[in-house]
C-alpha atoms as a PDB file:
ATOM      1  CA  MET A   1      30.829 -19.843 102.687  1.00  0.00           C
ATOM      2  CA  ARG A   2      32.534 -21.114  99.520  1.00  0.00           C
ATOM      3  CA  THR A   3      31.848 -24.359  97.718  1.00  0.00           C
ATOM      4  CA  ILE A   4      33.216 -25.809  94.500  1.00  0.00           C
ATOM      5  CA  VAL A   5      30.487 -26.854  92.072  1.00  0.00           C
ATOM      6  CA  SER A   6      30.778 -29.278  89.173  1.00  0.00           C
ATOM      7  CA  THR A   7      28.283 -28.381  86.439  1.00  0.00           C
ATOM      8  CA  GLY A   8      28.622 -31.481  84.287  1.00  0.00           C
ATOM      9  CA  PRO A   9      31.065 -33.393  82.056  1.00  0.00           C
ATOM     10  CA  GLN A  10      34.005 -31.357  80.711  1.00  0.00           C
ATOM     11  CA  SER A  11      32.921 -28.318  82.747  1.00  0.00           C
ATOM     12  CA  VAL A  12      35.206 -26.024  84.721  1.00  0.00           C
ATOM     13  CA  LEU A  13      34.778 -26.317  88.486  1.00  0.00           C
ATOM     14  CA  GLU A  14      33.287 -23.087  89.806  1.00  0.00           C
ATOM     15  CA  VAL A  15      33.548 -21.318  93.156  1.00  0.00           C
ATOM     16  CA  VAL A  16      30.044 -20.605  94.474  1.00  0.00           C
ATOM     17  CA  ASP A  17      29.043 -18.770  97.662  1.00  0.00           C
ATOM     18  CA  VAL A  18      26.250 -20.450  99.646  1.00  0.00           C
ATOM     19  CA  ALA A  19      24.697 -20.222 103.098  1.00  0.00           C
ATOM     20  CA  LEU A  20      26.387 -21.873 106.076  1.00  0.00           C
ATOM     21  CA  MET A  21      25.609 -25.568 106.564  1.00  0.00           C
ATOM     22  CA  THR A  22      23.234 -26.977 109.172  1.00  0.00           C
ATOM     23  CA  ALA A  23      23.215 -30.494 110.596  1.00  0.00           C
ATOM     24  CA  GLY A  24      20.191 -32.731 110.117  1.00  0.00           C
ATOM     25  CA  ALA A  25      19.298 -35.742 112.212  1.00  0.00           C
ATOM     26  CA  GLY A  26      22.305 -38.034 112.611  1.00  0.00           C
ATOM     27  CA  GLU A  27      24.659 -35.481 111.050  1.00  0.00           C
ATOM     28  CA  VAL A  28      27.449 -33.110 112.032  1.00  0.00           C
ATOM     29  CA  VAL A  29      28.833 -29.928 110.493  1.00  0.00           C
ATOM     30  CA  ILE A  30      32.599 -29.894 109.964  1.00  0.00           C
ATOM     31  CA  ASP A  31      34.783 -26.815 109.626  1.00  0.00           C
ATOM     32  CA  VAL A  32      36.940 -28.122 106.781  1.00  0.00           C
ATOM     33  CA  ARG A  33      40.722 -28.023 107.100  1.00  0.00           C
ATOM     34  CA  ALA A  34      41.772 -30.515 104.389  1.00  0.00           C
ATOM     35  CA  ILE A  35      40.071 -32.322 101.505  1.00  0.00           C
ATOM     36  CA  GLY A  36      41.263 -35.420  99.674  1.00  0.00           C
ATOM     37  CA  VAL A  37      41.111 -35.277  95.871  1.00  0.00           C
ATOM     38  CA  GLY A  38      40.807 -38.563  94.001  1.00  0.00           C
ATOM     39  CA  ARG A  39      39.971 -39.994  90.602  1.00  0.00           C
ATOM     40  CA  VAL A  40      36.521 -40.848  91.947  1.00  0.00           C
ATOM     41  CA  ASP A  41      35.791 -37.104  91.970  1.00  0.00           C
ATOM     42  CA  LEU A  42      36.512 -36.917  88.235  1.00  0.00           C
ATOM     43  CA  ILE A  43      34.389 -39.985  87.539  1.00  0.00           C
ATOM     44  CA  MET A  44      31.451 -38.531  89.486  1.00  0.00           C
ATOM     45  CA  GLY A  45      31.734 -35.319  87.475  1.00  0.00           C
ATOM     46  CA  GLN A  46      31.351 -37.353  84.290  1.00  0.00           C
ATOM     47  CA  ILE A  47      28.350 -39.424  85.349  1.00  0.00           C
ATOM     48  CA  ILE A  48      26.276 -37.052  87.516  1.00  0.00           C
ATOM     49  CA  PRO A  49      24.035 -35.033  85.163  1.00  0.00           C
ATOM     50  CA  ARG A  50      23.238 -32.234  87.623  1.00  0.00           C
ATOM     51  CA  ASP A  51      25.279 -29.639  89.519  1.00  0.00           C
ATOM     52  CA  PHE A  52      26.918 -31.047  92.646  1.00  0.00           C
ATOM     53  CA  ILE A  53      29.768 -30.423  95.088  1.00  0.00           C
ATOM     54  CA  PRO A  54      32.566 -33.005  94.595  1.00  0.00           C
ATOM     55  CA  GLY A  55      34.637 -34.626  97.313  1.00  0.00           C
ATOM     56  CA  VAL A  56      34.164 -37.822  99.325  1.00  0.00           C
ATOM     57  CA  GLU A  57      36.568 -37.299 102.232  1.00  0.00           C
ATOM     58  CA  VAL A  58      37.306 -34.424 104.548  1.00  0.00           C
ATOM     59  CA  ALA A  59      39.211 -33.634 107.732  1.00  0.00           C
ATOM     60  CA  GLY A  60      38.414 -30.788 110.079  1.00  0.00           C
ATOM     61  CA  ILE A  61      36.748 -29.776 113.322  1.00  0.00           C
ATOM     62  CA  VAL A  62      33.134 -30.521 114.249  1.00  0.00           C
ATOM     63  CA  THR A  63      31.239 -27.272 114.896  1.00  0.00           C
ATOM     64  CA  ALA A  64      27.645 -28.504 115.291  1.00  0.00           C
ATOM     65  CA  THR A  65      25.650 -31.697 115.729  1.00  0.00           C
ATOM     66  CA  GLY A  66      22.129 -32.631 114.722  1.00  0.00           C
ATOM     67  CA  VAL A  67      19.466 -34.616 116.520  1.00  0.00           C
ATOM     68  CA  ASP A  68      20.585 -38.072 117.709  1.00  0.00           C
ATOM     69  CA  VAL A  69      24.282 -37.161 117.639  1.00  0.00           C
ATOM     70  CA  ASP A  70      26.436 -36.981 120.768  1.00  0.00           C
ATOM     71  CA  PRO A  71      27.168 -33.257 121.335  1.00  0.00           C
ATOM     72  CA  GLN A  72      30.610 -34.206 122.641  1.00  0.00           C
ATOM     73  CA  TRP A  73      31.702 -34.420 119.003  1.00  0.00           C
ATOM     74  CA  VAL A  74      31.711 -30.599 118.915  1.00  0.00           C
ATOM     75  CA  GLY A  75      35.263 -29.273 118.923  1.00  0.00           C
ATOM     76  CA  ARG A  76      36.860 -32.610 118.030  1.00  0.00           C
ATOM     77  CA  ARG A  77      39.296 -33.128 115.173  1.00  0.00           C
ATOM     78  CA  VAL A  78      37.796 -35.679 112.791  1.00  0.00           C
ATOM     79  CA  PHE A  79      37.981 -37.428 109.456  1.00  0.00           C
ATOM     80  CA  ALA A  80      34.722 -38.114 107.625  1.00  0.00           C
ATOM     81  CA  ARG A  81      33.614 -40.041 104.583  1.00  0.00           C
ATOM     82  CA  VAL A  82      30.830 -38.363 102.615  1.00  0.00           C
ATOM     83  CA  LYS A  83      28.895 -39.268  99.461  1.00  0.00           C
ATOM     84  CA  ALA A  84      29.767 -35.832  98.026  1.00  0.00           C
ATOM     85  CA  GLY A  85      30.155 -32.254  99.244  1.00  0.00           C
ATOM     86  CA  ALA A  86      33.707 -32.139 100.641  1.00  0.00           C
ATOM     87  CA  TYR A  87      34.955 -29.347  98.344  1.00  0.00           C
ATOM     88  CA  ALA A  88      33.791 -26.542 100.617  1.00  0.00           C
ATOM     89  CA  ASP A  89      34.626 -24.428 103.670  1.00  0.00           C
ATOM     90  CA  GLN A  90      32.107 -26.525 105.608  1.00  0.00           C
ATOM     91  CA  ALA A  91      30.824 -30.047 105.058  1.00  0.00           C
ATOM     92  CA  VAL A  92      27.954 -32.100 106.463  1.00  0.00           C
ATOM     93  CA  ALA A  93      28.667 -35.735 107.317  1.00  0.00           C
ATOM     94  CA  GLY A  94      26.747 -38.587 108.874  1.00  0.00           C
ATOM     95  CA  SER A  95      27.957 -39.358 112.379  1.00  0.00           C
ATOM     96  CA  ALA A  96      28.267 -43.050 111.441  1.00  0.00           C
ATOM     97  CA  ALA A  97      31.112 -42.135 109.073  1.00  0.00           C
ATOM     98  CA  LEU A  98      33.142 -40.065 111.574  1.00  0.00           C
ATOM     99  CA  VAL A  99      36.508 -41.062 113.000  1.00  0.00           C
ATOM    100  CA  ALA A 100      38.378 -38.986 115.591  1.00  0.00           C
ATOM    101  CA  LEU A 101      41.946 -38.066 114.668  1.00  0.00           C
ATOM    102  CA  PRO A 102      44.747 -39.039 117.058  1.00  0.00           C
ATOM    103  CA  GLU A 103      47.040 -36.389 118.496  1.00  0.00           C
ATOM    104  CA  GLY A 104      49.929 -35.599 116.205  1.00  0.00           C
ATOM    105  CA  LEU A 105      48.124 -36.541 112.980  1.00  0.00           C
ATOM    106  CA  SER A 106      47.698 -33.550 110.685  1.00  0.00           C
ATOM    107  CA  PHE A 107      44.526 -32.893 108.719  1.00  0.00           C
ATOM    108  CA  GLU A 108      46.540 -33.212 105.500  1.00  0.00           C
ATOM    109  CA  ALA A 109      47.950 -36.610 106.478  1.00  0.00           C
ATOM    110  CA  ALA A 110      44.453 -37.769 107.421  1.00  0.00           C
ATOM    111  CA  VAL A 111      43.026 -37.183 103.938  1.00  0.00           C
ATOM    112  CA  ALA A 112      46.246 -38.286 102.205  1.00  0.00           C
ATOM    113  CA  SER A 113      45.699 -41.683 103.816  1.00  0.00           C
ATOM    114  CA  GLY A 114      41.918 -41.690 104.352  1.00  0.00           C
ATOM    115  CA  VAL A 115      39.822 -43.469 101.730  1.00  0.00           C
ATOM    116  CA  ASN A 116      42.928 -44.495  99.777  1.00  0.00           C
ATOM    117  CA  ALA A 117      44.328 -46.359 102.753  1.00  0.00           C
ATOM    118  CA  LEU A 118      40.978 -48.071 103.288  1.00  0.00           C
ATOM    119  CA  VAL A 119      40.991 -49.316  99.697  1.00  0.00           C
ATOM    120  CA  ALA A 120      44.564 -50.538 100.143  1.00  0.00           C
ATOM    121  CA  GLN A 121      43.740 -52.328 103.392  1.00  0.00           C
ATOM    122  CA  PHE A 122      40.627 -54.079 102.129  1.00  0.00           C
ATOM    123  CA  CYS A 123      42.357 -55.088  98.872  1.00  0.00           C
ATOM    124  CA  LEU A 124      45.044 -56.855 100.884  1.00  0.00           C
ATOM    125  CA  ASP A 125      42.432 -58.380 103.166  1.00  0.00           C
ATOM    126  CA  LYS A 126      40.418 -59.646 100.211  1.00  0.00           C
ATOM    127  CA  ALA A 127      43.524 -61.165  98.628  1.00  0.00           C
ATOM    128  CA  GLN A 128      44.502 -62.695 102.000  1.00  0.00           C
ATOM    129  CA  VAL A 129      48.117 -61.624 101.564  1.00  0.00           C
ATOM    130  CA  ILE A 130      50.580 -63.357 103.890  1.00  0.00           C
ATOM    131  CA  ALA A 131      54.314 -63.142 104.575  1.00  0.00           C
ATOM    132  CA  ASP A 132      56.753 -64.215 101.843  1.00  0.00           C
ATOM    133  CA  GLU A 133      54.223 -63.910  99.026  1.00  0.00           C
ATOM    134  CA  ARG A 134      55.029 -61.885  95.926  1.00  0.00           C
ATOM    135  CA  VAL A 135      52.559 -59.039  95.425  1.00  0.00           C
ATOM    136  CA  LEU A 136      52.378 -57.154  92.134  1.00  0.00           C
ATOM    137  CA  VAL A 137      50.903 -53.662  92.463  1.00  0.00           C
ATOM    138  CA  ARG A 138      49.626 -51.999  89.315  1.00  0.00           C
ATOM    139  CA  GLY A 139      49.581 -48.235  89.887  1.00  0.00           C
ATOM    140  CA  ALA A 140      52.084 -48.466  92.743  1.00  0.00           C
ATOM    141  CA  GLN A 141      53.046 -44.778  92.638  1.00  0.00           C
ATOM    142  CA  GLY A 142      49.512 -43.395  92.896  1.00  0.00           C
ATOM    143  CA  GLY A 143      47.452 -42.268  95.853  1.00  0.00           C
ATOM    144  CA  ILE A 144      46.254 -45.791  96.652  1.00  0.00           C
ATOM    145  CA  GLY A 145      49.154 -47.754  95.210  1.00  0.00           C
ATOM    146  CA  HIS A 146      51.935 -46.329  97.369  1.00  0.00           C
ATOM    147  CA  LEU A 147      49.905 -47.293 100.440  1.00  0.00           C
ATOM    148  CA  VAL A 148      49.315 -50.834  99.138  1.00  0.00           C
ATOM    149  CA  VAL A 149      53.087 -51.143  98.719  1.00  0.00           C
ATOM    150  CA  GLN A 150      53.765 -50.070 102.311  1.00  0.00           C
ATOM    151  CA  MET A 151      51.004 -52.205 103.834  1.00  0.00           C
ATOM    152  CA  ALA A 152      51.976 -55.310 101.857  1.00  0.00           C
ATOM    153  CA  ALA A 153      55.594 -54.888 102.916  1.00  0.00           C
ATOM    154  CA  ARG A 154      54.494 -54.643 106.558  1.00  0.00           C
ATOM    155  CA  LEU A 155      52.809 -58.021 106.128  1.00  0.00           C
ATOM    156  CA  GLY A 156      56.154 -59.470 105.060  1.00  0.00           C
ATOM    157  CA  ALA A 157      55.332 -59.712 101.359  1.00  0.00           C
ATOM    158  CA  THR A 158      57.765 -59.002  98.540  1.00  0.00           C
ATOM    159  CA  VAL A 159      56.295 -56.136  96.521  1.00  0.00           C
ATOM    160  CA  ILE A 160      56.645 -55.864  92.752  1.00  0.00           C
ATOM    161  CA  ASP A 161      56.059 -52.470  91.121  1.00  0.00           C
ATOM    162  CA  SER A 162      54.859 -53.245  87.590  1.00  0.00           C
ATOM    163  CA  ALA A 163      56.028 -49.863  86.273  1.00  0.00           C
ATOM    164  CA  ARG A 164      59.555 -50.148  87.695  1.00  0.00           C
ATOM    165  CA  ASP A 165      60.416 -53.832  87.598  1.00  0.00           C
ATOM    166  CA  GLY A 166      60.358 -54.206  83.821  1.00  0.00           C
ATOM    167  CA  ALA A 167      59.760 -57.686  82.422  1.00  0.00           C
ATOM    168  CA  PRO A 168      56.739 -59.635  83.751  1.00  0.00           C
ATOM    169  CA  VAL A 169      57.503 -61.832  86.748  1.00  0.00           C
ATOM    170  CA  PRO A 170      55.362 -64.440  88.520  1.00  0.00           C
ATOM    171  CA  ALA A 171      53.227 -63.177  91.407  1.00  0.00           C
ATOM    172  CA  ASP A 172      51.082 -64.759  94.095  1.00  0.00           C
ATOM    173  CA  VAL A 173      48.815 -61.698  94.284  1.00  0.00           C
ATOM    174  CA  VAL A 174      48.039 -58.827  91.916  1.00  0.00           C
ATOM    175  CA  ILE A 175      46.428 -55.651  93.270  1.00  0.00           C
ATOM    176  CA  ASP A 176      45.236 -53.823  90.168  1.00  0.00           C
ATOM    177  CA  LEU A 177      44.366 -50.129  90.440  1.00  0.00           C
ATOM    178  CA  VAL A 178      44.742 -49.532  86.707  1.00  0.00           C
ATOM    179  CA  ALA A 179      42.987 -52.259  84.640  1.00  0.00           C
ATOM    180  CA  GLY A 180      42.802 -51.288  80.950  1.00  0.00           C
ATOM    181  CA  PRO A 181      44.006 -53.273  77.909  1.00  0.00           C
ATOM    182  CA  ASP A 182      46.987 -54.889  79.657  1.00  0.00           C
ATOM    183  CA  THR A 183      44.916 -56.609  82.334  1.00  0.00           C
ATOM    184  CA  ALA A 184      44.964 -60.024  80.654  1.00  0.00           C
ATOM    185  CA  ALA A 185      48.781 -60.073  80.528  1.00  0.00           C
ATOM    186  CA  CYS A 186      48.914 -59.352  84.274  1.00  0.00           C
ATOM    187  CA  VAL A 187      46.395 -62.105  85.015  1.00  0.00           C
ATOM    188  CA  ASP A 188      48.773 -64.496  83.225  1.00  0.00           C
ATOM    189  CA  GLN A 189      51.506 -63.604  85.749  1.00  0.00           C
ATOM    190  CA  LEU A 190      49.591 -65.285  88.585  1.00  0.00           C
ATOM    191  CA  ASN A 191      51.137 -68.356  90.170  1.00  0.00           C
ATOM    192  CA  ALA A 192      49.041 -71.376  91.098  1.00  0.00           C
ATOM    193  CA  ASN A 193      46.518 -70.391  93.789  1.00  0.00           C
ATOM    194  CA  GLY A 194      47.160 -66.751  92.862  1.00  0.00           C
ATOM    195  CA  ARG A 195      44.592 -64.031  93.625  1.00  0.00           C
ATOM    196  CA  TYR A 196      43.849 -60.993  91.466  1.00  0.00           C
ATOM    197  CA  VAL A 197      41.948 -58.017  92.925  1.00  0.00           C
ATOM    198  CA  ILE A 198      40.749 -55.117  90.762  1.00  0.00           C
ATOM    199  CA  ALA A 199      39.982 -51.914  92.673  1.00  0.00           C
ATOM    200  CA  GLY A 200      40.454 -49.255  89.997  1.00  0.00           C
ATOM    201  CA  ILE A 201      40.114 -48.634  86.278  1.00  0.00           C
ATOM    202  CA  SER A 202      42.241 -45.534  85.690  1.00  0.00           C
ATOM    203  CA  ALA A 203      43.364 -47.007  82.325  1.00  0.00           C
ATOM    204  CA  GLY A 204      39.812 -48.011  81.402  1.00  0.00           C
ATOM    205  CA  MET A 205      37.807 -51.211  81.575  1.00  0.00           C
ATOM    206  CA  PRO A 206      39.700 -54.472  80.954  1.00  0.00           C
ATOM    207  CA  PRO A 207      38.914 -56.457  77.771  1.00  0.00           C
ATOM    208  CA  ALA A 208      35.812 -58.623  77.976  1.00  0.00           C
ATOM    209  CA  ASP A 209      37.859 -61.836  77.828  1.00  0.00           C
ATOM    210  CA  PHE A 210      40.674 -60.706  80.160  1.00  0.00           C
ATOM    211  CA  ALA A 211      40.161 -63.590  82.610  1.00  0.00           C
ATOM    212  CA  GLY A 212      39.836 -66.325  79.998  1.00  0.00           C
ATOM    213  CA  SER A 213      43.166 -67.880  80.933  1.00  0.00           C
ATOM    214  CA  LEU A 214      41.858 -68.678  84.429  1.00  0.00           C
ATOM    215  CA  ILE A 215      39.271 -70.993  82.912  1.00  0.00           C
ATOM    216  CA  ALA A 216      41.575 -72.365  80.236  1.00  0.00           C
ATOM    217  CA  ASP A 217      44.085 -73.325  82.938  1.00  0.00           C
ATOM    218  CA  PHE A 218      41.644 -73.988  85.785  1.00  0.00           C
ATOM    219  CA  ARG A 219      43.823 -76.705  87.370  1.00  0.00           C
ATOM    220  CA  ARG A 220      46.058 -73.937  88.769  1.00  0.00           C
ATOM    221  CA  SER A 221      43.166 -72.699  90.967  1.00  0.00           C
ATOM    222  CA  ARG A 222      43.680 -69.006  90.349  1.00  0.00           C
ATOM    223  CA  SER A 223      40.952 -66.470  91.127  1.00  0.00           C
ATOM    224  CA  ILE A 224      39.886 -62.915  90.389  1.00  0.00           C
ATOM    225  CA  ALA A 225      37.810 -60.484  92.446  1.00  0.00           C
ATOM    226  CA  THR A 226      36.775 -56.852  92.524  1.00  0.00           C
ATOM    227  CA  LEU A 227      36.679 -54.484  95.482  1.00  0.00           C
ATOM    228  CA  SER A 228      34.466 -51.496  96.269  1.00  0.00           C
ATOM    229  CA  LEU A 229      34.231 -49.891  99.704  1.00  0.00           C
ATOM    230  CA  ASP A 230      30.491 -49.616  99.066  1.00  0.00           C
ATOM    231  CA  THR A 231      30.251 -53.256 100.161  1.00  0.00           C
ATOM    232  CA  VAL A 232      31.980 -52.637 103.514  1.00  0.00           C
ATOM    233  CA  SER A 233      29.964 -51.526 106.548  1.00  0.00           C
ATOM    234  CA  ASP A 234      30.586 -48.181 108.249  1.00  0.00           C
ATOM    235  CA  ALA A 235      31.554 -50.039 111.418  1.00  0.00           C
ATOM    236  CA  ASP A 236      34.219 -52.080 109.626  1.00  0.00           C
ATOM    237  CA  LEU A 237      35.503 -49.019 107.760  1.00  0.00           C
ATOM    238  CA  ASN A 238      35.740 -47.062 111.007  1.00  0.00           C
ATOM    239  CA  ARG A 239      37.626 -49.851 112.787  1.00  0.00           C
ATOM    240  CA  ALA A 240      40.116 -50.058 109.941  1.00  0.00           C
ATOM    241  CA  MET A 241      40.456 -46.278 109.792  1.00  0.00           C
ATOM    242  CA  VAL A 242      41.242 -46.007 113.505  1.00  0.00           C
ATOM    243  CA  GLN A 243      44.082 -48.504 113.145  1.00  0.00           C
ATOM    244  CA  ILE A 244      45.384 -46.878 109.966  1.00  0.00           C
ATOM    245  CA  PHE A 245      45.462 -43.433 111.588  1.00  0.00           C
ATOM    246  CA  ALA A 246      47.275 -44.867 114.592  1.00  0.00           C
ATOM    247  CA  ASP A 247      49.878 -46.393 112.250  1.00  0.00           C
ATOM    248  CA  VAL A 248      50.260 -43.121 110.327  1.00  0.00           C
ATOM    249  CA  ALA A 249      50.639 -41.120 113.545  1.00  0.00           C
ATOM    250  CA  ALA A 250      53.296 -43.604 114.698  1.00  0.00           C
ATOM    251  CA  GLY A 251      55.185 -43.334 111.395  1.00  0.00           C
ATOM    252  CA  LYS A 252      54.495 -46.945 110.421  1.00  0.00           C
ATOM    253  CA  ILE A 253      52.595 -45.841 107.303  1.00  0.00           C
ATOM    254  CA  LYS A 254      53.681 -42.709 105.444  1.00  0.00           C
ATOM    255  CA  PRO A 255      51.074 -41.230 103.103  1.00  0.00           C
ATOM    256  CA  VAL A 256      52.540 -39.052 100.363  1.00  0.00           C
ATOM    257  CA  VAL A 257      51.026 -35.658  99.552  1.00  0.00           C
ATOM    258  CA  ALA A 258      51.720 -35.062  95.856  1.00  0.00           C
ATOM    259  CA  GLN A 259      50.592 -31.435  96.005  1.00  0.00           C
ATOM    260  CA  THR A 260      48.693 -29.155  98.357  1.00  0.00           C
ATOM    261  CA  LEU A 261      46.447 -26.665  96.575  1.00  0.00           C
ATOM    262  CA  LYS A 262      43.946 -24.045  97.676  1.00  0.00           C
ATOM    263  CA  LEU A 263      40.234 -24.840  97.503  1.00  0.00           C
ATOM    264  CA  GLU A 264      39.783 -22.454  94.587  1.00  0.00           C
ATOM    265  CA  GLN A 265      42.406 -24.455  92.653  1.00  0.00           C
ATOM    266  CA  ALA A 266      40.183 -27.541  92.553  1.00  0.00           C
ATOM    267  CA  ASP A 267      39.956 -27.409  88.760  1.00  0.00           C
ATOM    268  CA  GLN A 268      43.764 -27.470  88.543  1.00  0.00           C
ATOM    269  CA  ALA A 269      43.791 -30.475  90.873  1.00  0.00           C
ATOM    270  CA  HIS A 270      41.411 -32.355  88.577  1.00  0.00           C
ATOM    271  CA  HIS A 271      43.546 -31.573  85.537  1.00  0.00           C
ATOM    272  CA  LEU A 272      46.617 -32.941  87.327  1.00  0.00           C
ATOM    273  CA  ILE A 273      44.827 -36.173  88.178  1.00  0.00           C
ATOM    274  CA  ALA A 274      43.492 -36.538  84.633  1.00  0.00           C
ATOM    275  CA  LYS A 275      47.019 -36.053  83.268  1.00  0.00           C
ATOM    276  CA  GLY A 276      48.341 -38.872  85.479  1.00  0.00           C
ATOM    277  CA  GLY A 277      51.834 -39.575  86.719  1.00  0.00           C
ATOM    278  CA  LEU A 278      51.312 -38.243  90.250  1.00  0.00           C
ATOM    279  CA  HIS A 279      53.076 -39.852  93.189  1.00  0.00           C
ATOM    280  CA  GLY A 280      50.730 -39.720  96.166  1.00  0.00           C
ATOM    281  CA  LYS A 281      47.572 -37.710  96.836  1.00  0.00           C
ATOM    282  CA  ILE A 282      46.467 -34.169  96.001  1.00  0.00           C
ATOM    283  CA  VAL A 283      45.090 -32.287  99.018  1.00  0.00           C
ATOM    284  CA  LEU A 284      42.935 -29.152  98.939  1.00  0.00           C
ATOM    285  CA  VAL A 285      42.897 -26.691 101.834  1.00  0.00           C
ATOM    286  CA  PRO A 286      40.362 -23.857 102.292  1.00  0.00           C
END
């Protein structure tokens, strides 16, 4: 079978033939039908010093189960979160990170929502967004951002797209998927009792003193937080994913596929993400 291997920073992703996968204890083998491509894959390629197979989310059909896994998973359409290894014809995933796909939900739509939708959901949960609040989304056109926009609107919030709405406006909540040098200016847009959640750094790390105004004007009770799915349990992620997939299947959430590319075009996919400006998610198919 084919895998895509990253050989280190600035390297070209290579197609490598390897033996078929086998499932260990607590694992399943998935015949891959769609793979989500995200900025996290580029970041991992920069920081992992050894060869590895990128990809943290996959959709497909379970073909084998290991010890301690219900054999009834075999033949089921699933989405799985993995630490790495999704860029391949087959992937191995822990059964604790499996979610069955509802009828009518395509493999491509599953990974186009997938991890991105989880980040969006838990950002909004962390910020405790409620109806009639103004929510500023930095990176609103990206793979995560366009889902934050839809989910916030479903909560009854008024959504502000920082790239489209021009001059700074006050906001009750900022969901920041960009960070970078302009972070401090966005923090200053928070109303009293405003909440700022950083879940991405596509523009780089914010300045060291970016939150200084919160302390200088502490009487307004504004707050800042970060979000990583690493701090959320598999059980909570799975529960959220089941609901998200149900909403996508029902047309209540509409993930955008920016481009669909073949597995062997993974290097092109990474270049497109690095260039920026994409609306939605890149999906690879074997």
